[in-house]
Every structure is written in structure tokens, then in C-alpha cells.
PDB file of all heavy atoms in Angstrom:
ATOM      1  N   ASP A   1      11.255  66.739  16.004  1.00  0.00           N
ATOM      2  CA  ASP A   1      12.677  66.453  16.252  1.00  0.00           C
ATOM      3  C   ASP A   1      13.462  66.407  14.949  1.00  0.00           C
ATOM      4  O   ASP A   1      14.639  66.779  14.911  1.00  0.00           O
ATOM      5  CB  ASP A   1      12.855  65.160  17.046  1.00  0.00           C
ATOM      6  CG  ASP A   1      12.199  63.961  16.384  1.00  0.00           C
ATOM      7  OD1 ASP A   1      12.729  63.497  15.370  1.00  0.00           O
ATOM      8  OD2 ASP A   1      11.164  63.491  16.885  1.00  0.00           O
ATOM      9  N   LYS A   2      12.814  65.985  13.866  1.00  0.00           N
ATOM     10  CA  LYS A   2      13.501  65.997  12.568  1.00  0.00           C
ATOM     11  C   LYS A   2      13.464  67.382  11.917  1.00  0.00           C
ATOM     12  O   LYS A   2      14.150  67.621  10.919  1.00  0.00           O
ATOM     13  CB  LYS A   2      12.904  64.950  11.627  1.00  0.00           C
ATOM     14  CG  LYS A   2      11.517  65.224  11.133  1.00  0.00           C
ATOM     15  CD  LYS A   2      11.110  64.261  10.035  1.00  0.00           C
ATOM     16  CE  LYS A   2      11.008  62.844  10.528  1.00  0.00           C
ATOM     17  NZ  LYS A   2       9.843  62.598  11.414  1.00  0.00           N
ATOM     18  N   GLY A   3      12.685  68.308  12.502  1.00  0.00           N
ATOM     19  CA  GLY A   3      12.606  69.649  11.956  1.00  0.00           C
ATOM     20  C   GLY A   3      13.930  70.394  12.023  1.00  0.00           C
ATOM     21  O   GLY A   3      14.225  71.226  11.156  1.00  0.00           O
ATOM     22  N   PHE A   4      14.753  70.080  13.012  1.00  0.00           N
ATOM     23  CA  PHE A   4      16.034  70.775  13.152  1.00  0.00           C
ATOM     24  C   PHE A   4      17.000  70.377  12.031  1.00  0.00           C
ATOM     25  O   PHE A   4      17.711  71.220  11.486  1.00  0.00           O
ATOM     26  CB  PHE A   4      16.641  70.476  14.531  1.00  0.00           C
ATOM     27  CG  PHE A   4      15.774  70.943  15.661  1.00  0.00           C
ATOM     28  CD1 PHE A   4      14.897  70.075  16.296  1.00  0.00           C
ATOM     29  CD2 PHE A   4      15.807  72.261  16.071  1.00  0.00           C
ATOM     30  CE1 PHE A   4      14.074  70.507  17.323  1.00  0.00           C
ATOM     31  CE2 PHE A   4      14.992  72.719  17.100  1.00  0.00           C
ATOM     32  CZ  PHE A   4      14.121  71.836  17.728  1.00  0.00           C
ATOM     33  N   VAL A   5      17.014  69.094  11.705  1.00  0.00           N
ATOM     34  CA  VAL A   5      17.877  68.666  10.610  1.00  0.00           C
ATOM     35  C   VAL A   5      17.337  69.162   9.272  1.00  0.00           C
ATOM     36  O   VAL A   5      18.104  69.398   8.333  1.00  0.00           O
ATOM     37  CB  VAL A   5      18.040  67.129  10.619  1.00  0.00           C
ATOM     38  CG1 VAL A   5      16.811  66.418  10.085  1.00  0.00           C
ATOM     39  CG2 VAL A   5      19.257  66.697   9.814  1.00  0.00           C
ATOM     40  N   VAL A   6      16.024  69.368   9.177  1.00  0.00           N
ATOM     41  CA  VAL A   6      15.430  69.932   7.972  1.00  0.00           C
ATOM     42  C   VAL A   6      15.926  71.358   7.753  1.00  0.00           C
ATOM     43  O   VAL A   6      16.248  71.754   6.626  1.00  0.00           O
ATOM     44  CB  VAL A   6      13.885  69.891   8.066  1.00  0.00           C
ATOM     45  CG1 VAL A   6      13.244  70.800   7.019  1.00  0.00           C
ATOM     46  CG2 VAL A   6      13.375  68.467   7.888  1.00  0.00           C
ATOM     47  N   LEU A   7      16.014  72.139   8.832  1.00  0.00           N
ATOM     48  CA  LEU A   7      16.539  73.500   8.711  1.00  0.00           C
ATOM     49  C   LEU A   7      17.980  73.482   8.220  1.00  0.00           C
ATOM     50  O   LEU A   7      18.362  74.282   7.361  1.00  0.00           O
ATOM     51  CB  LEU A   7      16.451  74.220  10.063  1.00  0.00           C
ATOM     52  CG  LEU A   7      15.046  74.520  10.592  1.00  0.00           C
ATOM     53  CD1 LEU A   7      15.125  75.129  11.988  1.00  0.00           C
ATOM     54  CD2 LEU A   7      14.293  75.457   9.655  1.00  0.00           C
ATOM     55  N   GLY A   8      18.777  72.575   8.755  1.00  0.00           N
ATOM     56  CA  GLY A   8      20.161  72.457   8.290  1.00  0.00           C
ATOM     57  C   GLY A   8      20.246  72.022   6.840  1.00  0.00           C
ATOM     58  O   GLY A   8      21.080  72.524   6.074  1.00  0.00           O
ATOM     59  N   MET A   9      19.363  71.097   6.439  1.00  0.00           N
ATOM     60  CA  MET A   9      19.349  70.611   5.061  1.00  0.00           C
ATOM     61  C   MET A   9      18.970  71.727   4.091  1.00  0.00           C
ATOM     62  O   MET A   9      19.404  71.725   2.926  1.00  0.00           O
ATOM     63  CB  MET A   9      18.371  69.445   4.925  1.00  0.00           C
ATOM     64  CG  MET A   9      18.442  68.711   3.592  1.00  0.00           C
ATOM     65  SD  MET A   9      19.983  67.800   3.361  1.00  0.00           S
ATOM     66  CE  MET A   9      19.697  66.399   4.465  1.00  0.00           C
ATOM     67  N   THR A  10      18.199  72.710   4.566  1.00  0.00           N
ATOM     68  CA  THR A  10      17.835  73.856   3.728  1.00  0.00           C
ATOM     69  C   THR A  10      19.079  74.593   3.259  1.00  0.00           C
ATOM     70  O   THR A  10      19.212  74.942   2.080  1.00  0.00           O
ATOM     71  CB  THR A  10      16.926  74.820   4.512  1.00  0.00           C
ATOM     72  OG1 THR A  10      15.751  74.115   4.937  1.00  0.00           O
ATOM     73  CG2 THR A  10      16.514  76.008   3.644  1.00  0.00           C
ATOM     74  N   TYR A  11      20.008  74.824   4.169  1.00  0.00           N
ATOM     75  CA  TYR A  11      21.249  75.514   3.809  1.00  0.00           C
ATOM     76  C   TYR A  11      22.097  74.666   2.871  1.00  0.00           C
ATOM     77  O   TYR A  11      22.740  75.191   1.958  1.00  0.00           O
ATOM     78  CB  TYR A  11      22.044  75.840   5.073  1.00  0.00           C
ATOM     79  CG  TYR A  11      21.584  77.071   5.814  1.00  0.00           C
ATOM     80  CD1 TYR A  11      20.384  77.714   5.499  1.00  0.00           C
ATOM     81  CD2 TYR A  11      22.344  77.603   6.854  1.00  0.00           C
ATOM     82  CE1 TYR A  11      19.962  78.835   6.178  1.00  0.00           C
ATOM     83  CE2 TYR A  11      21.930  78.740   7.551  1.00  0.00           C
ATOM     84  CZ  TYR A  11      20.736  79.346   7.206  1.00  0.00           C
ATOM     85  OH  TYR A  11      20.331  80.467   7.891  1.00  0.00           O
ATOM     86  N   VAL A  12      22.114  73.360   3.091  1.00  0.00           N
ATOM     87  CA  VAL A  12      22.923  72.470   2.255  1.00  0.00           C
ATOM     88  C   VAL A  12      22.419  72.483   0.812  1.00  0.00           C
ATOM     89  O   VAL A  12      23.203  72.639  -0.133  1.00  0.00           O
ATOM     90  CB  VAL A  12      22.919  71.034   2.819  1.00  0.00           C
ATOM     91  CG1 VAL A  12      23.613  70.072   1.848  1.00  0.00           C
ATOM     92  CG2 VAL A  12      23.622  70.983   4.165  1.00  0.00           C
ATOM     93  N   LEU A  13      21.102  72.321   0.633  1.00  0.00           N
ATOM     94  CA  LEU A  13      20.543  72.345  -0.715  1.00  0.00           C
ATOM     95  C   LEU A  13      20.631  73.739  -1.333  1.00  0.00           C
ATOM     96  O   LEU A  13      20.702  73.875  -2.552  1.00  0.00           O
ATOM     97  CB  LEU A  13      19.091  71.868  -0.709  1.00  0.00           C
ATOM     98  CG  LEU A  13      18.882  70.382  -1.026  1.00  0.00           C
ATOM     99  CD1 LEU A  13      19.458  69.503   0.084  1.00  0.00           C
ATOM    100  CD2 LEU A  13      17.409  70.056  -1.227  1.00  0.00           C
ATOM    101  N   MET A  14      20.641  74.757  -0.477  1.00  0.00           N
ATOM    102  CA  MET A  14      20.725  76.129  -0.984  1.00  0.00           C
ATOM    103  C   MET A  14      22.025  76.365  -1.744  1.00  0.00           C
ATOM    104  O   MET A  14      22.068  77.162  -2.685  1.00  0.00           O
ATOM    105  CB  MET A  14      20.608  77.108   0.187  1.00  0.00           C
ATOM    106  CG  MET A  14      20.445  78.555  -0.221  1.00  0.00           C
ATOM    107  SD  MET A  14      18.901  78.871  -1.101  1.00  0.00           S
ATOM    108  CE  MET A  14      17.717  78.543   0.206  1.00  0.00           C
ATOM    109  N   ILE A  15      23.103  75.685  -1.359  1.00  0.00           N
ATOM    110  CA  ILE A  15      24.377  75.858  -2.064  1.00  0.00           C
ATOM    111  C   ILE A  15      24.590  74.767  -3.119  1.00  0.00           C
ATOM    112  O   ILE A  15      25.694  74.612  -3.640  1.00  0.00           O
ATOM    113  CB  ILE A  15      25.566  75.873  -1.080  1.00  0.00           C
ATOM    114  CG1 ILE A  15      25.685  74.543  -0.316  1.00  0.00           C
ATOM    115  CG2 ILE A  15      25.462  77.038  -0.112  1.00  0.00           C
ATOM    116  CD1 ILE A  15      26.955  74.422   0.500  1.00  0.00           C
ATOM    117  N   GLY A  16      23.533  74.010  -3.412  1.00  0.00           N
ATOM    118  CA  GLY A  16      23.600  73.017  -4.477  1.00  0.00           C
ATOM    119  C   GLY A  16      24.242  71.705  -4.079  1.00  0.00           C
ATOM    120  O   GLY A  16      24.643  70.927  -4.947  1.00  0.00           O
ATOM    121  N   GLU A  17      24.333  71.435  -2.777  1.00  0.00           N
ATOM    122  CA  GLU A  17      24.897  70.179  -2.291  1.00  0.00           C
ATOM    123  C   GLU A  17      23.795  69.328  -1.673  1.00  0.00           C
ATOM    124  O   GLU A  17      22.621  69.724  -1.648  1.00  0.00           O
ATOM    125  CB  GLU A  17      26.010  70.446  -1.270  1.00  0.00           C
ATOM    126  CG  GLU A  17      27.117  71.362  -1.764  1.00  0.00           C
ATOM    127  CD  GLU A  17      27.966  70.750  -2.868  1.00  0.00           C
ATOM    128  OE1 GLU A  17      27.848  69.550  -3.120  1.00  0.00           O
ATOM    129  OE2 GLU A  17      28.744  71.501  -3.484  1.00  0.00           O
ATOM    130  N   ILE A  18      24.175  68.170  -1.153  1.00  0.00           N
ATOM    131  CA  ILE A  18      23.218  67.287  -0.490  1.00  0.00           C
ATOM    132  C   ILE A  18      23.966  66.492   0.576  1.00  0.00           C
ATOM    133  O   ILE A  18      25.164  66.228   0.435  1.00  0.00           O
ATOM    134  CB  ILE A  18      22.521  66.357  -1.508  1.00  0.00           C
ATOM    135  CG1 ILE A  18      21.250  65.755  -0.920  1.00  0.00           C
ATOM    136  CG2 ILE A  18      23.458  65.270  -2.001  1.00  0.00           C
ATOM    137  CD1 ILE A  18      20.363  65.079  -1.958  1.00  0.00           C
ATOM    138  N   ASP A  19      23.260  66.133   1.635  1.00  0.00           N
ATOM    139  CA  ASP A  19      23.869  65.370   2.723  1.00  0.00           C
ATOM    140  C   ASP A  19      22.929  64.243   3.119  1.00  0.00           C
ATOM    141  O   ASP A  19      21.867  64.476   3.700  1.00  0.00           O
ATOM    142  CB  ASP A  19      24.134  66.279   3.921  1.00  0.00           C
ATOM    143  CG  ASP A  19      24.932  65.581   5.022  1.00  0.00           C
ATOM    144  OD1 ASP A  19      25.119  64.350   4.931  1.00  0.00           O
ATOM    145  OD2 ASP A  19      25.366  66.254   5.965  1.00  0.00           O
ATOM    146  N   ILE A  20      23.309  63.025   2.768  1.00  0.00           N
ATOM    147  CA  ILE A  20      22.473  61.879   3.119  1.00  0.00           C
ATOM    148  C   ILE A  20      23.037  61.098   4.310  1.00  0.00           C
ATOM    149  O   ILE A  20      22.622  59.970   4.576  1.00  0.00           O
ATOM    150  CB  ILE A  20      22.292  60.931   1.908  1.00  0.00           C
ATOM    151  CG1 ILE A  20      23.643  60.423   1.399  1.00  0.00           C
ATOM    152  CG2 ILE A  20      21.523  61.618   0.801  1.00  0.00           C
ATOM    153  CD1 ILE A  20      23.505  59.388   0.296  1.00  0.00           C
ATOM    154  N   SER A  21      23.971  61.731   5.019  1.00  0.00           N
ATOM    155  CA  SER A  21      24.536  61.083   6.208  1.00  0.00           C
ATOM    156  C   SER A  21      23.891  61.571   7.497  1.00  0.00           C
ATOM    157  O   SER A  21      24.278  61.153   8.584  1.00  0.00           O
ATOM    158  CB  SER A  21      26.046  61.344   6.278  1.00  0.00           C
ATOM    159  OG  SER A  21      26.327  62.701   6.565  1.00  0.00           O
ATOM    160  N   VAL A  22      22.905  62.482   7.400  1.00  0.00           N
ATOM    161  CA  VAL A  22      22.362  63.124   8.597  1.00  0.00           C
ATOM    162  C   VAL A  22      21.720  62.129   9.559  1.00  0.00           C
ATOM    163  O   VAL A  22      21.862  62.267  10.788  1.00  0.00           O
ATOM    164  CB  VAL A  22      21.353  64.228   8.216  1.00  0.00           C
ATOM    165  CG1 VAL A  22      22.059  65.417   7.608  1.00  0.00           C
ATOM    166  CG2 VAL A  22      20.283  63.706   7.269  1.00  0.00           C
ATOM    167  N   ALA A  23      21.028  61.124   9.042  1.00  0.00           N
ATOM    168  CA  ALA A  23      20.400  60.143   9.925  1.00  0.00           C
ATOM    169  C   ALA A  23      21.460  59.352  10.697  1.00  0.00           C
ATOM    170  O   ALA A  23      21.289  59.057  11.888  1.00  0.00           O
ATOM    171  CB  ALA A  23      19.521  59.190   9.116  1.00  0.00           C
ATOM    172  N   SER A  24      22.554  59.038  10.035  1.00  0.00           N
ATOM    173  CA  SER A  24      23.644  58.326  10.701  1.00  0.00           C
ATOM    174  C   SER A  24      24.326  59.219  11.743  1.00  0.00           C
ATOM    175  O   SER A  24      24.754  58.732  12.796  1.00  0.00           O
ATOM    176  CB  SER A  24      24.672  57.846   9.672  1.00  0.00           C
ATOM    177  OG  SER A  24      24.089  56.911   8.779  1.00  0.00           O
ATOM    178  N   ILE A  25      24.424  60.523  11.449  1.00  0.00           N
ATOM    179  CA  ILE A  25      24.991  61.457  12.427  1.00  0.00           C
ATOM    180  C   ILE A  25      24.094  61.510  13.662  1.00  0.00           C
ATOM    181  O   ILE A  25      24.577  61.516  14.808  1.00  0.00           O
ATOM    182  CB  ILE A  25      25.155  62.860  11.818  1.00  0.00           C
ATOM    183  CG1 ILE A  25      26.194  62.835  10.693  1.00  0.00           C
ATOM    184  CG2 ILE A  25      25.584  63.870  12.886  1.00  0.00           C
ATOM    185  CD1 ILE A  25      26.341  64.171   9.970  1.00  0.00           C
ATOM    186  N   ILE A  26      22.787  61.534  13.450  1.00  0.00           N
ATOM    187  CA  ILE A  26      21.842  61.533  14.571  1.00  0.00           C
ATOM    188  C   ILE A  26      22.035  60.290  15.430  1.00  0.00           C
ATOM    189  O   ILE A  26      22.093  60.368  16.664  1.00  0.00           O
ATOM    190  CB  ILE A  26      20.391  61.620  14.059  1.00  0.00           C
ATOM    191  CG1 ILE A  26      20.132  62.975  13.396  1.00  0.00           C
ATOM    192  CG2 ILE A  26      19.395  61.386  15.186  1.00  0.00           C
ATOM    193  CD1 ILE A  26      18.789  63.084  12.703  1.00  0.00           C
ATOM    194  N   ALA A  27      22.125  59.126  14.769  1.00  0.00           N
ATOM    195  CA  ALA A  27      22.310  57.879  15.502  1.00  0.00           C
ATOM    196  C   ALA A  27      23.626  57.877  16.277  1.00  0.00           C
ATOM    197  O   ALA A  27      23.675  57.479  17.449  1.00  0.00           O
ATOM    198  CB  ALA A  27      22.260  56.703  14.536  1.00  0.00           C
ATOM    199  N   LEU A  28      24.704  58.327  15.632  1.00  0.00           N
ATOM    200  CA  LEU A  28      26.009  58.352  16.296  1.00  0.00           C
ATOM    201  C   LEU A  28      26.007  59.311  17.477  1.00  0.00           C
ATOM    202  O   LEU A  28      26.498  58.970  18.562  1.00  0.00           O
ATOM    203  CB  LEU A  28      27.087  58.763  15.291  1.00  0.00           C
ATOM    204  CG  LEU A  28      28.512  58.906  15.843  1.00  0.00           C
ATOM    205  CD1 LEU A  28      28.982  57.614  16.493  1.00  0.00           C
ATOM    206  CD2 LEU A  28      29.470  59.344  14.744  1.00  0.00           C
ATOM    207  N   CYS A  29      25.456  60.507  17.299  1.00  0.00           N
ATOM    208  CA  CYS A  29      25.400  61.487  18.393  1.00  0.00           C
ATOM    209  C   CYS A  29      24.578  60.960  19.559  1.00  0.00           C
ATOM    210  O   CYS A  29      24.957  61.133  20.733  1.00  0.00           O
ATOM    211  CB  CYS A  29      24.800  62.796  17.887  1.00  0.00           C
ATOM    212  SG  CYS A  29      25.854  63.714  16.744  1.00  0.00           S
ATOM    213  N   SER A  30      23.458  60.320  19.245  1.00  0.00           N
ATOM    214  CA  SER A  30      22.612  59.748  20.290  1.00  0.00           C
ATOM    215  C   SER A  30      23.354  58.665  21.073  1.00  0.00           C
ATOM    216  O   SER A  30      23.310  58.631  22.308  1.00  0.00           O
ATOM    217  CB  SER A  30      21.339  59.173  19.666  1.00  0.00           C
ATOM    218  OG  SER A  30      20.530  58.548  20.643  1.00  0.00           O
ATOM    219  N   CYS A  31      24.049  57.803  20.346  1.00  0.00           N
ATOM    220  CA  CYS A  31      24.786  56.713  20.994  1.00  0.00           C
ATOM    221  C   CYS A  31      25.940  57.245  21.841  1.00  0.00           C
ATOM    222  O   CYS A  31      26.169  56.774  22.969  1.00  0.00           O
ATOM    223  CB  CYS A  31      25.308  55.737  19.948  1.00  0.00           C
ATOM    224  SG  CYS A  31      24.021  54.743  19.152  1.00  0.00           S
ATOM    225  N   VAL A  32      26.677  58.220  21.309  1.00  0.00           N
ATOM    226  CA  VAL A  32      27.795  58.795  22.066  1.00  0.00           C
ATOM    227  C   VAL A  32      27.282  59.443  23.344  1.00  0.00           C
ATOM    228  O   VAL A  32      27.863  59.264  24.431  1.00  0.00           O
ATOM    229  CB  VAL A  32      28.552  59.823  21.208  1.00  0.00           C
ATOM    230  CG1 VAL A  32      29.535  60.618  22.071  1.00  0.00           C
ATOM    231  CG2 VAL A  32      29.305  59.128  20.083  1.00  0.00           C
ATOM    232  N   MET A  33      26.185  60.187  23.239  1.00  0.00           N
ATOM    233  CA  MET A  33      25.613  60.831  24.425  1.00  0.00           C
ATOM    234  C   MET A  33      25.196  59.792  25.456  1.00  0.00           C
ATOM    235  O   MET A  33      25.462  59.954  26.661  1.00  0.00           O
ATOM    236  CB  MET A  33      24.409  61.690  24.026  1.00  0.00           C
ATOM    237  CG  MET A  33      23.772  62.431  25.194  1.00  0.00           C
ATOM    238  SD  MET A  33      22.477  63.595  24.664  1.00  0.00           S
ATOM    239  CE  MET A  33      21.269  62.452  23.984  1.00  0.00           C
ATOM    240  N   GLY A  34      24.574  58.711  25.015  1.00  0.00           N
ATOM    241  CA  GLY A  34      24.147  57.663  25.935  1.00  0.00           C
ATOM    242  C   GLY A  34      25.311  56.948  26.577  1.00  0.00           C
ATOM    243  O   GLY A  34      25.297  56.658  27.788  1.00  0.00           O
ATOM    244  N   VAL A  35      26.344  56.663  25.800  1.00  0.00           N
ATOM    245  CA  VAL A  35      27.502  55.933  26.314  1.00  0.00           C
ATOM    246  C   VAL A  35      28.260  56.758  27.361  1.00  0.00           C
ATOM    247  O   VAL A  35      28.590  56.262  28.450  1.00  0.00           O
ATOM    248  CB  VAL A  35      28.450  55.524  25.162  1.00  0.00           C
ATOM    249  CG1 VAL A  35      29.784  55.038  25.704  1.00  0.00           C
ATOM    250  CG2 VAL A  35      27.808  54.436  24.307  1.00  0.00           C
TER     251      VAL A  35
END
């Protein structure tokens, strides 16, 4: 399940950036879907 965000992180690091909010995005998306 974390493999999908790993694929996305590949593109982010490829352009020299980083995203450490992905876990929070997962939590927010999960909560919104449940609500």
C-alpha cells in the first residue's frame, strides 16, 4: 500500500524536491473517505 506513494516520491526526488507531507495526505484522504 505504501508502494504507490513510493512511485510518486520517485518523480518528486527526480526533480530535486522532497515531500514529507505524504503520510498526512494519506491520513486526510482516508478520513475524508470514511466521513
